[in-house]
Amino acid sequence: MKISVTVHPNSKKPRIIKNDQGNLDVYVAQKAVDNQANLATTMALAKYFQVKKSAVNLVLGQKSKIKIFEIVSPD
């Protein structure tokens, strides 16, 4: 399953919110430096979808606020 995610780095209150379009807004405490926010987003999504961290892959948007992640479900 592929999902569109808007990442909000350097947030005081980390959380995940589903917006009106059905996409996710992910707020993470890490800054958008040295891939820290992307890694924190990956870990947050893994916890949200209750899958292993390795099942969450960043497909598009390495340096963008809007990213596409793929969640690989276990067979």
N, C-alpha and C. Protein backbone atom coordinates (compact mmCIF):
# COMPACT_ATOMS: atom_id res chain seq x y z
N MET A 1 0.84 -1.16 0.00
CA MET A 1 0.00 0.00 0.00
C MET A 1 0.90 1.24 0.00
N LYS A 2 0.57 2.21 -0.85
CA LYS A 2 1.33 3.46 -0.90
C LYS A 2 0.48 4.56 -0.27
N ILE A 3 1.15 5.41 0.53
CA ILE A 3 0.45 6.50 1.18
C ILE A 3 1.21 7.79 0.99
N SER A 4 0.47 8.88 0.95
CA SER A 4 1.07 10.21 0.86
C SER A 4 1.16 10.77 2.27
N VAL A 5 2.33 11.30 2.59
CA VAL A 5 2.60 11.78 3.94
C VAL A 5 3.18 13.19 3.84
N THR A 6 2.67 14.09 4.68
CA THR A 6 3.27 15.41 4.83
C THR A 6 4.02 15.41 6.15
N VAL A 7 5.32 15.64 6.10
CA VAL A 7 6.16 15.59 7.29
C VAL A 7 6.33 17.00 7.85
N HIS A 8 6.17 17.12 9.16
CA HIS A 8 6.36 18.38 9.87
C HIS A 8 7.50 18.18 10.87
N PRO A 9 8.75 18.47 10.47
CA PRO A 9 9.88 18.25 11.37
C PRO A 9 9.94 19.30 12.47
N ASN A 10 10.75 19.00 13.49
CA ASN A 10 11.01 19.91 14.60
C ASN A 10 9.73 20.28 15.35
N SER A 11 8.85 19.32 15.52
CA SER A 11 7.59 19.54 16.20
C SER A 11 7.74 19.29 17.70
N LYS A 12 7.05 20.07 18.50
CA LYS A 12 7.12 19.90 19.95
C LYS A 12 6.30 18.71 20.41
N LYS A 13 5.26 18.38 19.66
CA LYS A 13 4.37 17.28 20.05
C LYS A 13 4.28 16.26 18.90
N PRO A 14 5.14 15.22 18.91
CA PRO A 14 5.10 14.22 17.83
C PRO A 14 3.75 13.49 17.80
N ARG A 15 3.19 13.38 16.58
CA ARG A 15 1.90 12.70 16.42
C ARG A 15 1.63 12.45 14.94
N ILE A 16 0.61 11.63 14.68
CA ILE A 16 0.17 11.37 13.31
C ILE A 16 -1.31 11.69 13.23
N ILE A 17 -1.68 12.50 12.24
CA ILE A 17 -3.06 12.92 12.06
C ILE A 17 -3.48 12.63 10.62
N LYS A 18 -4.66 12.04 10.46
CA LYS A 18 -5.21 11.81 9.13
C LYS A 18 -5.97 13.06 8.72
N ASN A 19 -5.62 13.66 7.56
CA ASN A 19 -6.27 14.90 7.14
C ASN A 19 -7.51 14.63 6.31
N ASP A 20 -8.16 15.69 5.84
CA ASP A 20 -9.43 15.58 5.11
C ASP A 20 -9.32 14.81 3.80
N GLN A 21 -8.15 14.85 3.16
CA GLN A 21 -7.96 14.15 1.89
C GLN A 21 -7.61 12.68 2.08
N GLY A 22 -7.49 12.22 3.31
CA GLY A 22 -7.13 10.83 3.57
C GLY A 22 -5.64 10.60 3.67
N ASN A 23 -4.84 11.66 3.54
CA ASN A 23 -3.40 11.55 3.68
C ASN A 23 -3.02 11.74 5.14
N LEU A 24 -1.77 11.44 5.46
CA LEU A 24 -1.31 11.55 6.84
C LEU A 24 -0.40 12.76 7.02
N ASP A 25 -0.59 13.47 8.11
CA ASP A 25 0.34 14.50 8.55
C ASP A 25 1.12 13.91 9.71
N VAL A 26 2.43 13.82 9.54
CA VAL A 26 3.29 13.22 10.57
C VAL A 26 4.16 14.32 11.18
N TYR A 27 4.01 14.53 12.46
CA TYR A 27 4.79 15.52 13.20
C TYR A 27 5.88 14.77 13.97
N VAL A 28 7.14 15.13 13.72
CA VAL A 28 8.26 14.47 14.39
C VAL A 28 9.13 15.52 15.07
N ALA A 29 9.80 15.13 16.13
CA ALA A 29 10.63 16.05 16.92
C ALA A 29 11.97 16.32 16.25
N GLN A 30 12.44 15.42 15.41
CA GLN A 30 13.74 15.56 14.78
C GLN A 30 13.73 16.66 13.72
N LYS A 31 14.90 17.26 13.52
CA LYS A 31 15.05 18.28 12.49
C LYS A 31 15.26 17.63 11.13
N ALA A 32 15.02 18.39 10.08
CA ALA A 32 15.19 17.89 8.72
C ALA A 32 16.65 18.04 8.29
N VAL A 33 17.54 17.42 9.05
CA VAL A 33 18.97 17.48 8.79
C VAL A 33 19.51 16.05 8.82
N ASP A 34 20.37 15.72 7.86
CA ASP A 34 21.03 14.41 7.82
C ASP A 34 20.04 13.25 7.87
N ASN A 35 18.89 13.41 7.21
CA ASN A 35 17.91 12.32 7.09
C ASN A 35 17.23 11.97 8.42
N GLN A 36 17.40 12.78 9.45
CA GLN A 36 16.83 12.48 10.77
C GLN A 36 15.30 12.46 10.75
N ALA A 37 14.68 13.44 10.10
CA ALA A 37 13.22 13.50 10.05
C ALA A 37 12.65 12.33 9.25
N ASN A 38 13.33 11.92 8.17
CA ASN A 38 12.85 10.77 7.39
C ASN A 38 12.89 9.49 8.21
N LEU A 39 13.97 9.29 8.97
CA LEU A 39 14.06 8.09 9.80
C LEU A 39 13.01 8.10 10.91
N ALA A 40 12.79 9.25 11.51
CA ALA A 40 11.78 9.36 12.56
C ALA A 40 10.38 9.12 11.99
N THR A 41 10.14 9.60 10.77
CA THR A 41 8.86 9.37 10.12
C THR A 41 8.66 7.90 9.81
N THR A 42 9.70 7.24 9.35
CA THR A 42 9.63 5.80 9.07
C THR A 42 9.28 5.03 10.34
N MET A 43 9.92 5.37 11.44
CA MET A 43 9.65 4.68 12.70
C MET A 43 8.23 4.97 13.20
N ALA A 44 7.78 6.20 13.04
CA ALA A 44 6.42 6.57 13.47
C ALA A 44 5.37 5.83 12.64
N LEU A 45 5.60 5.73 11.34
CA LEU A 45 4.65 5.00 10.49
C LEU A 45 4.63 3.51 10.80
N ALA A 46 5.79 2.95 11.10
CA ALA A 46 5.85 1.53 11.46
C ALA A 46 5.03 1.28 12.73
N LYS A 47 5.14 2.17 13.67
CA LYS A 47 4.37 2.03 14.91
C LYS A 47 2.88 2.23 14.64
N TYR A 48 2.54 3.21 13.81
CA TYR A 48 1.15 3.53 13.48
C TYR A 48 0.45 2.36 12.79
N PHE A 49 1.15 1.73 11.83
CA PHE A 49 0.57 0.62 11.08
C PHE A 49 0.88 -0.74 11.71
N GLN A 50 1.60 -0.74 12.82
CA GLN A 50 1.96 -1.95 13.56
C GLN A 50 2.68 -2.97 12.67
N VAL A 51 3.72 -2.48 12.01
CA VAL A 51 4.58 -3.33 11.19
C VAL A 51 6.03 -3.06 11.60
N LYS A 52 6.93 -3.90 11.12
CA LYS A 52 8.34 -3.69 11.38
C LYS A 52 8.84 -2.48 10.61
N LYS A 53 9.90 -1.86 11.12
CA LYS A 53 10.48 -0.69 10.46
C LYS A 53 10.93 -1.02 9.04
N SER A 54 11.37 -2.23 8.82
CA SER A 54 11.83 -2.63 7.49
C SER A 54 10.69 -2.75 6.48
N ALA A 55 9.45 -2.77 6.95
CA ALA A 55 8.29 -2.86 6.06
C ALA A 55 7.84 -1.50 5.55
N VAL A 56 8.47 -0.42 6.03
CA VAL A 56 8.12 0.94 5.62
C VAL A 56 9.25 1.49 4.76
N ASN A 57 8.93 1.81 3.50
CA ASN A 57 9.94 2.28 2.56
C ASN A 57 9.57 3.66 2.02
N LEU A 58 10.54 4.56 2.01
CA LEU A 58 10.36 5.86 1.39
C LEU A 58 10.55 5.71 -0.11
N VAL A 59 9.50 6.00 -0.88
CA VAL A 59 9.53 5.80 -2.32
C VAL A 59 9.88 7.11 -3.04
N LEU A 60 9.31 8.21 -2.61
CA LEU A 60 9.46 9.48 -3.30
C LEU A 60 9.47 10.63 -2.30
N GLY A 61 10.32 11.63 -2.54
CA GLY A 61 10.32 12.82 -1.71
C GLY A 61 11.38 12.85 -0.64
N GLN A 62 12.55 12.37 -0.94
CA GLN A 62 13.65 12.32 0.04
C GLN A 62 13.90 13.68 0.68
N LYS A 63 13.83 14.76 -0.11
CA LYS A 63 14.13 16.10 0.41
C LYS A 63 12.92 17.02 0.34
N SER A 64 11.73 16.46 0.33
CA SER A 64 10.50 17.24 0.24
C SER A 64 9.65 17.03 1.50
N LYS A 65 8.76 17.96 1.79
CA LYS A 65 7.85 17.78 2.92
C LYS A 65 6.78 16.74 2.61
N ILE A 66 6.39 16.68 1.34
CA ILE A 66 5.38 15.71 0.93
C ILE A 66 6.10 14.49 0.38
N LYS A 67 5.84 13.34 0.97
CA LYS A 67 6.56 12.11 0.64
C LYS A 67 5.57 11.00 0.33
N ILE A 68 6.03 10.03 -0.41
CA ILE A 68 5.26 8.82 -0.68
C ILE A 68 5.98 7.66 0.01
N PHE A 69 5.27 6.97 0.88
CA PHE A 69 5.81 5.80 1.55
C PHE A 69 5.05 4.57 1.09
N GLU A 70 5.75 3.46 1.05
CA GLU A 70 5.13 2.17 0.74
C GLU A 70 5.19 1.31 2.00
N ILE A 71 4.05 0.77 2.38
CA ILE A 71 3.97 -0.14 3.52
C ILE A 71 3.81 -1.54 2.96
N VAL A 72 4.77 -2.38 3.22
CA VAL A 72 4.75 -3.76 2.73
C VAL A 72 4.14 -4.63 3.81
N SER A 73 3.02 -5.24 3.48
CA SER A 73 2.36 -6.10 4.47
C SER A 73 3.01 -7.48 4.47
N PRO A 74 3.14 -8.08 5.65
CA PRO A 74 3.72 -9.42 5.70
C PRO A 74 2.78 -10.45 5.08
N ASP A 75 3.35 -11.41 4.38
CA ASP A 75 2.52 -12.43 3.70
C ASP A 75 2.08 -13.53 4.65
